Protein backbone atom coordinates (compact mmCIF):
# COMPACT_ATOMS: atom_id res chain seq x y z
CA MET A 1 -109.48 -33.69 51.69
CA PRO A 2 -108.99 -32.31 48.12
CA ILE A 3 -105.78 -30.40 47.44
CA LEU A 4 -106.25 -26.91 46.08
CA THR A 5 -104.38 -26.21 42.88
CA SER A 6 -102.97 -22.84 41.85
CA ASN A 7 -105.88 -22.46 39.42
CA ASP A 8 -108.37 -23.06 42.25
CA ILE A 9 -106.71 -20.37 44.34
CA ALA A 10 -106.56 -18.03 41.35
CA ASN A 11 -110.27 -18.48 40.61
CA THR A 12 -111.08 -17.71 44.24
CA LEU A 13 -108.99 -14.56 44.07
CA TYR A 14 -110.58 -13.48 40.80
CA ALA A 15 -114.01 -13.92 42.36
CA SER A 16 -112.99 -11.99 45.49
CA THR A 17 -112.54 -8.78 43.49
CA ASP A 18 -116.34 -8.71 43.10
CA PHE A 19 -117.02 -9.12 46.84
CA LEU A 20 -119.85 -6.70 47.70
CA ALA A 21 -119.39 -5.06 44.29
CA LEU A 22 -122.29 -2.98 43.02
CA PRO A 23 -123.89 -3.62 39.61
CA PHE A 24 -122.22 -0.59 38.01
CA GLU A 25 -118.83 -2.00 39.06
CA ARG A 26 -119.48 -5.45 37.61
CA ASN A 27 -120.92 -4.02 34.38
CA PHE A 28 -118.14 -1.50 33.74
CA LYS A 29 -116.72 -1.35 30.20
CA CYS A 30 -113.51 0.56 29.64
CA GLU A 31 -113.44 1.25 25.89
CA HIS A 32 -115.24 4.62 26.02
CA PHE A 33 -113.03 5.87 28.85
CA VAL A 34 -109.83 4.69 27.16
CA ASN A 35 -110.80 6.64 24.04
CA TRP A 36 -111.82 9.71 26.05
CA THR A 37 -108.50 9.70 27.91
CA ALA A 38 -106.54 9.38 24.66
CA ASP A 39 -108.49 12.24 23.08
CA ASN A 40 -108.32 14.62 26.03
CA TRP A 41 -104.66 15.09 26.89
CA MET A 42 -105.36 18.79 27.40
CA VAL A 43 -107.26 17.93 30.58
CA CYS A 44 -104.09 16.37 31.99
CA VAL A 45 -101.72 19.04 30.68
CA GLY A 46 -104.00 21.92 31.66
CA THR A 47 -104.35 20.55 35.17
CA LEU A 48 -100.57 20.36 35.54
CA VAL A 49 -100.10 23.91 34.26
CA VAL A 50 -102.49 25.16 36.96
CA TYR A 51 -100.72 22.94 39.51
CA LEU A 52 -97.27 24.33 38.67
CA PHE A 53 -98.66 27.88 38.76
CA PHE A 54 -99.93 27.20 42.28
CA VAL A 55 -96.64 25.61 43.39
CA VAL A 56 -94.67 28.69 42.31
CA PHE A 57 -97.02 31.53 43.16
CA GLY A 58 -98.80 29.85 46.05
CA LYS A 59 -95.51 29.57 47.92
CA LYS A 60 -94.68 33.22 47.18
CA PHE A 61 -98.11 34.30 48.44
CA MET A 62 -97.68 32.33 51.66
CA ASP A 63 -94.29 33.96 52.31
CA SER A 64 -96.16 37.01 53.59
CA THR A 65 -99.13 35.15 55.10
CA LYS A 66 -99.56 33.19 58.29
CA PRO A 67 -100.02 29.42 57.85
CA PHE A 68 -103.60 28.16 57.84
CA ASP A 69 -104.74 25.79 60.58
CA LEU A 70 -106.13 22.92 58.50
CA GLN A 71 -105.78 20.06 60.97
CA MET A 72 -109.30 18.64 60.64
CA PRO A 73 -109.65 19.16 56.86
CA LEU A 74 -106.25 17.49 56.45
CA ALA A 75 -107.28 14.55 58.62
CA PHE A 76 -110.52 14.16 56.67
CA TRP A 77 -108.71 14.36 53.32
CA ASN A 78 -106.11 11.77 54.28
CA GLY A 79 -108.77 9.52 55.79
CA LEU A 80 -110.80 9.73 52.57
CA LEU A 81 -107.77 8.83 50.44
CA CYS A 82 -106.91 5.98 52.81
CA LEU A 83 -110.41 4.51 52.45
CA PHE A 84 -110.39 4.98 48.67
CA SER A 85 -106.98 3.32 48.39
CA PHE A 86 -107.98 0.43 50.65
CA ILE A 87 -111.04 -0.37 48.53
CA GLY A 88 -108.95 -0.03 45.38
CA MET A 89 -106.39 -2.42 46.86
CA CYS A 90 -109.13 -4.99 47.54
CA ARG A 91 -110.38 -4.65 43.96
CA THR A 92 -107.00 -4.94 42.21
CA VAL A 93 -104.45 -6.85 44.32
CA PRO A 94 -106.36 -10.20 44.31
CA TYR A 95 -106.65 -10.04 40.51
CA LEU A 96 -102.94 -9.34 40.13
CA VAL A 97 -101.97 -12.13 42.54
CA ALA A 98 -104.29 -14.53 40.69
CA ASN A 99 -102.57 -13.63 37.42
CA VAL A 100 -99.13 -14.15 38.91
CA ILE A 101 -99.86 -17.61 40.30
CA SER A 102 -101.85 -18.91 37.33
CA LYS A 103 -100.14 -17.43 34.26
CA PRO A 104 -96.62 -17.10 32.86
CA TYR A 105 -95.02 -13.82 33.89
CA GLU A 106 -94.92 -12.66 30.27
CA SER A 107 -98.70 -12.91 30.07
CA THR A 108 -99.17 -10.78 33.17
CA VAL A 109 -97.32 -7.86 31.57
CA CYS A 110 -98.29 -8.37 27.91
CA GLU A 111 -101.91 -9.55 27.66
CA SER A 112 -104.30 -6.85 26.49
CA PRO A 113 -106.32 -5.38 29.40
CA MET A 114 -109.31 -5.25 27.05
CA GLU A 115 -109.38 -9.05 27.29
CA THR A 116 -108.45 -9.39 30.97
CA TRP A 117 -108.68 -6.85 33.80
CA GLY A 118 -109.70 -3.73 31.83
CA ASN A 119 -113.43 -4.29 32.27
CA SER A 120 -115.69 -5.19 35.20
CA THR A 121 -114.88 -4.34 38.83
CA THR A 122 -111.09 -4.35 38.61
CA GLY A 123 -111.19 -2.27 35.44
CA LEU A 124 -113.39 0.38 37.05
CA TRP A 125 -111.00 0.76 39.96
CA VAL A 126 -108.06 1.04 37.59
CA LEU A 127 -109.93 3.89 35.89
CA LEU A 128 -110.65 5.54 39.25
CA PHE A 129 -106.97 5.18 40.13
CA ILE A 130 -105.93 6.96 36.94
CA TYR A 131 -108.29 9.89 37.42
CA SER A 132 -107.59 10.07 41.17
CA LYS A 133 -104.15 11.44 40.32
CA ILE A 134 -105.83 14.78 39.64
CA PRO A 135 -107.51 15.29 43.05
CA GLU A 136 -104.39 13.90 44.76
CA LEU A 137 -102.69 17.14 43.73
CA ILE A 138 -104.61 18.69 46.63
CA ASP A 139 -101.91 17.14 48.86
CA THR A 140 -99.68 19.99 47.70
CA VAL A 141 -102.34 22.59 48.50
CA PHE A 142 -102.30 21.50 52.14
CA ILE A 143 -98.50 21.66 52.26
CA VAL A 144 -98.35 25.16 50.76
CA LEU A 145 -101.21 26.63 52.82
CA ARG A 146 -99.76 25.18 56.03
CA LYS A 147 -96.30 26.50 55.07
CA LYS A 148 -94.67 23.09 55.35
CA PRO A 149 -91.48 22.29 53.38
CA LEU A 150 -92.34 21.40 49.78
CA ILE A 151 -89.51 19.15 48.62
CA PHE A 152 -88.65 18.45 44.97
CA LEU A 153 -89.57 14.77 45.26
CA HIS A 154 -93.13 15.64 46.24
CA TRP A 155 -94.18 17.84 43.32
CA TYR A 156 -91.99 16.03 40.78
CA HIS A 157 -93.66 12.78 41.78
CA HIS A 158 -97.18 14.16 41.45
CA ILE A 159 -96.52 15.63 38.00
CA THR A 160 -94.83 12.60 36.48
CA VAL A 161 -97.29 10.10 37.98
CA LEU A 162 -100.25 11.92 36.44
CA LEU A 163 -98.54 12.09 33.04
CA PHE A 164 -97.52 8.42 33.14
CA CYS A 165 -100.92 7.20 34.31
CA TRP A 166 -102.70 9.19 31.61
CA SER A 167 -100.35 7.75 28.99
CA SER A 168 -100.69 4.20 30.31
CA TYR A 169 -104.49 4.24 30.28
CA SER A 170 -104.78 5.91 26.88
CA THR A 171 -102.42 3.31 25.35
CA ILE A 172 -104.02 0.37 27.23
CA ALA A 173 -100.73 -0.63 28.88
CA ALA A 174 -100.84 -4.32 29.77
CA SER A 175 -98.35 -3.90 32.61
CA GLY A 176 -100.51 -1.26 34.31
CA LEU A 177 -102.16 -3.52 36.87
CA TYR A 178 -98.82 -3.99 38.63
CA PHE A 179 -98.44 -0.25 39.14
CA VAL A 180 -102.05 0.29 40.19
CA ALA A 181 -102.17 -2.57 42.71
CA MET A 182 -98.84 -1.59 44.29
CA ASN A 183 -99.74 2.09 44.53
CA PHE A 184 -103.18 1.44 46.03
CA THR A 185 -101.52 -0.75 48.69
CA VAL A 186 -98.83 1.75 49.61
CA HIS A 187 -101.31 4.63 49.65
CA ALA A 188 -103.71 2.76 51.93
CA MET A 189 -100.93 2.57 54.53
CA MET A 190 -99.44 5.99 53.87
CA TYR A 191 -102.64 8.04 53.92
CA GLY A 192 -103.85 6.14 56.98
CA TYR A 193 -100.63 7.14 58.74
CA TYR A 194 -101.01 10.77 57.66
CA CYS A 195 -104.60 10.79 58.90
CA LEU A 196 -103.52 9.58 62.33
CA GLN A 197 -100.74 12.17 62.34
CA ALA A 198 -103.16 14.96 61.51
CA LEU A 199 -105.45 13.82 64.33
CA LYS A 200 -102.39 13.62 66.61
CA VAL A 201 -103.25 10.10 67.72
CA CYS A 202 -100.46 8.24 65.95
CA PRO A 203 -98.23 6.40 68.46
CA LYS A 204 -94.71 7.81 68.63
CA SER A 205 -93.40 4.27 68.35
CA PHE A 206 -95.04 3.80 64.93
CA PRO A 207 -92.29 2.69 62.50
CA ALA A 208 -92.88 5.38 59.88
CA HIS A 209 -89.76 4.31 58.02
CA LEU A 210 -91.64 1.17 56.92
CA ILE A 211 -93.76 3.35 54.64
CA THR A 212 -90.63 4.70 52.99
CA ILE A 213 -89.30 1.14 52.63
CA SER A 214 -92.57 0.05 50.99
CA GLN A 215 -92.30 2.99 48.59
CA ILE A 216 -88.75 2.00 47.66
CA ALA A 217 -89.84 -1.62 47.15
CA GLN A 218 -92.59 -0.33 44.87
CA MET A 219 -89.99 1.52 42.79
CA PHE A 220 -87.80 -1.59 42.50
CA VAL A 221 -90.71 -3.69 41.25
CA GLY A 222 -92.00 -0.92 38.98
CA THR A 223 -88.60 -0.49 37.34
CA GLY A 224 -88.29 -4.24 36.86
CA VAL A 225 -91.77 -4.53 35.31
CA CYS A 226 -90.99 -1.73 32.84
CA ILE A 227 -87.66 -3.28 31.85
CA SER A 228 -89.13 -6.77 31.43
CA ALA A 229 -92.09 -5.52 29.37
CA TRP A 230 -89.67 -3.52 27.23
CA TYR A 231 -87.60 -6.70 26.73
CA PHE A 232 -90.65 -8.69 25.59
CA LYS A 233 -91.63 -5.87 23.25
CA LEU A 234 -88.17 -5.57 21.69
CA SER A 235 -87.90 -9.36 21.36
CA GLY A 236 -90.62 -9.22 18.75
CA LYS A 237 -93.21 -10.92 20.94
CA SER A 238 -96.80 -9.77 21.09
CA CYS A 239 -96.87 -7.37 24.03
CA ASN A 240 -99.63 -4.83 24.51
CA ASN A 241 -97.44 -1.97 25.76
CA ASP A 242 -96.56 1.23 23.94
CA THR A 243 -92.77 1.50 23.57
CA GLN A 244 -92.64 5.20 24.45
CA ASN A 245 -94.77 4.56 27.52
CA LEU A 246 -92.39 1.79 28.63
CA VAL A 247 -89.33 3.99 28.16
CA ALA A 248 -90.99 6.83 30.06
CA GLY A 249 -92.06 4.42 32.80
CA GLY A 250 -88.57 2.97 33.16
CA LEU A 251 -87.01 6.43 33.41
CA MET A 252 -89.70 7.60 35.82
CA TYR A 253 -89.46 4.62 38.16
CA GLY A 254 -85.66 4.69 37.95
CA SER A 255 -85.63 8.34 39.01
CA TYR A 256 -88.09 7.60 41.82
CA LEU A 257 -85.89 4.77 43.02
CA TYR A 258 -82.90 7.07 43.23
CA LEU A 259 -84.82 9.94 44.87
CA PHE A 260 -86.61 7.75 47.43
CA CYS A 261 -83.37 5.98 48.36
CA GLU A 262 -81.66 9.35 48.75
CA PHE A 263 -84.54 10.57 50.91
CA ALA A 264 -84.41 7.43 53.07
CA LEU A 265 -80.66 7.74 53.64
CA ARG A 266 -80.98 11.42 54.44
CA ARG A 267 -83.90 10.82 56.77
CA TYR A 268 -82.96 7.55 58.47
CA GLY A 269 -79.35 6.84 57.53
CA PRO A 270 -76.38 6.97 59.88
CA GLY A 271 -75.63 10.53 58.82
CA ALA A 272 -79.09 11.87 59.70
CA LYS A 273 -78.86 14.71 62.20
CA ASN A 274 -80.51 14.07 65.54
CA GLY A 275 -81.73 10.66 64.38
CA PRO A 276 -84.79 9.92 62.30
CA ARG A 277 -87.25 12.74 61.84
CA LYS A 278 -90.93 12.75 61.00
CA ASP A 279 -91.77 11.88 57.42
CA LYS A 280 -92.77 14.63 55.06
CA LYS A 281 -95.56 13.80 52.65
CA LEU A 282 -94.00 12.31 49.55
CA ASP A 283 -96.80 10.77 47.57
C-alpha cells in the first residue's frame, strides 16, 4: 500500500476547496475587487459612521421604547450566518492546512495572494468574508432593538474588524488567509449556537464557554501571525504584507486577546457571581 506524503495530502486538500464549487467560484479573479476596495475606503468609513450613530442614538431611542420581540428574525439571521460561515470554512480551511503542511511557515504568511489563494474558489470566499463584515453589523441592531446589554467588546470588535479587513484586502495581505479561515470556523460554531438559543432549543448542558475559548485561541494565533509576519518584513525578506496593516493587526489582536480573556474571567472565572452566565453576543 503506497504511503501518502505531505504533498499528496496537501494536493487533496487543495482540491477539496473546489468540492461542489460553481463555475463562478472557480473562475473568480480578485484583481478588480482588490482595486475597488483600495479605492473606496469611504464605503467602509461611511458605514461605520452610520453604525456609530445607531449605537449612540439607537440606545437612547430604546430607553423610552419597549423591546421588540425579534425571536424568529434573530434565529433566521444567526442561522444564515452560521451556514455562510460553514461554507466559508470549507472553502478556506483546507487550503490553509494544505499550505501549512506543504510549505515553510514563512511562505504561508509572506507569499502574494495574487499567486496563491487570492483567486479561484478560496479567493472568492475570502472576498465574501471581507464584505460580510458590513452586514454582520446587523448583530448590533438586534441587541439594541431587543434592549439587551451592549458591551464595549461587541461594538469595538465590529468596528475594528471591518477596518482591518478592508485594509488587509486592499493591501493584499499575505497573512490574511489565517485570519479568514479561523474566523469562519469560530463563526460557524458561534452563530449556530446563537441560532439554537434564539429558537430556545439549545440544551442547557451545552458548554458555551468552549466558544469563548475558541475565540481566545483565535486571538492568540492572530497575534502570533501578525508578529511573525512583521518580523519577516523587518528582517528585509520579501513579505507581501503592508507594515502599517501588520502593526494595526498586532495591536488589534492584542487588544482582543486582553478583552476576551477579561470577559472569560468575568463570566466563567472563580469570581463570577452565581456561577457562569449565558454568553452575550461578542462577535
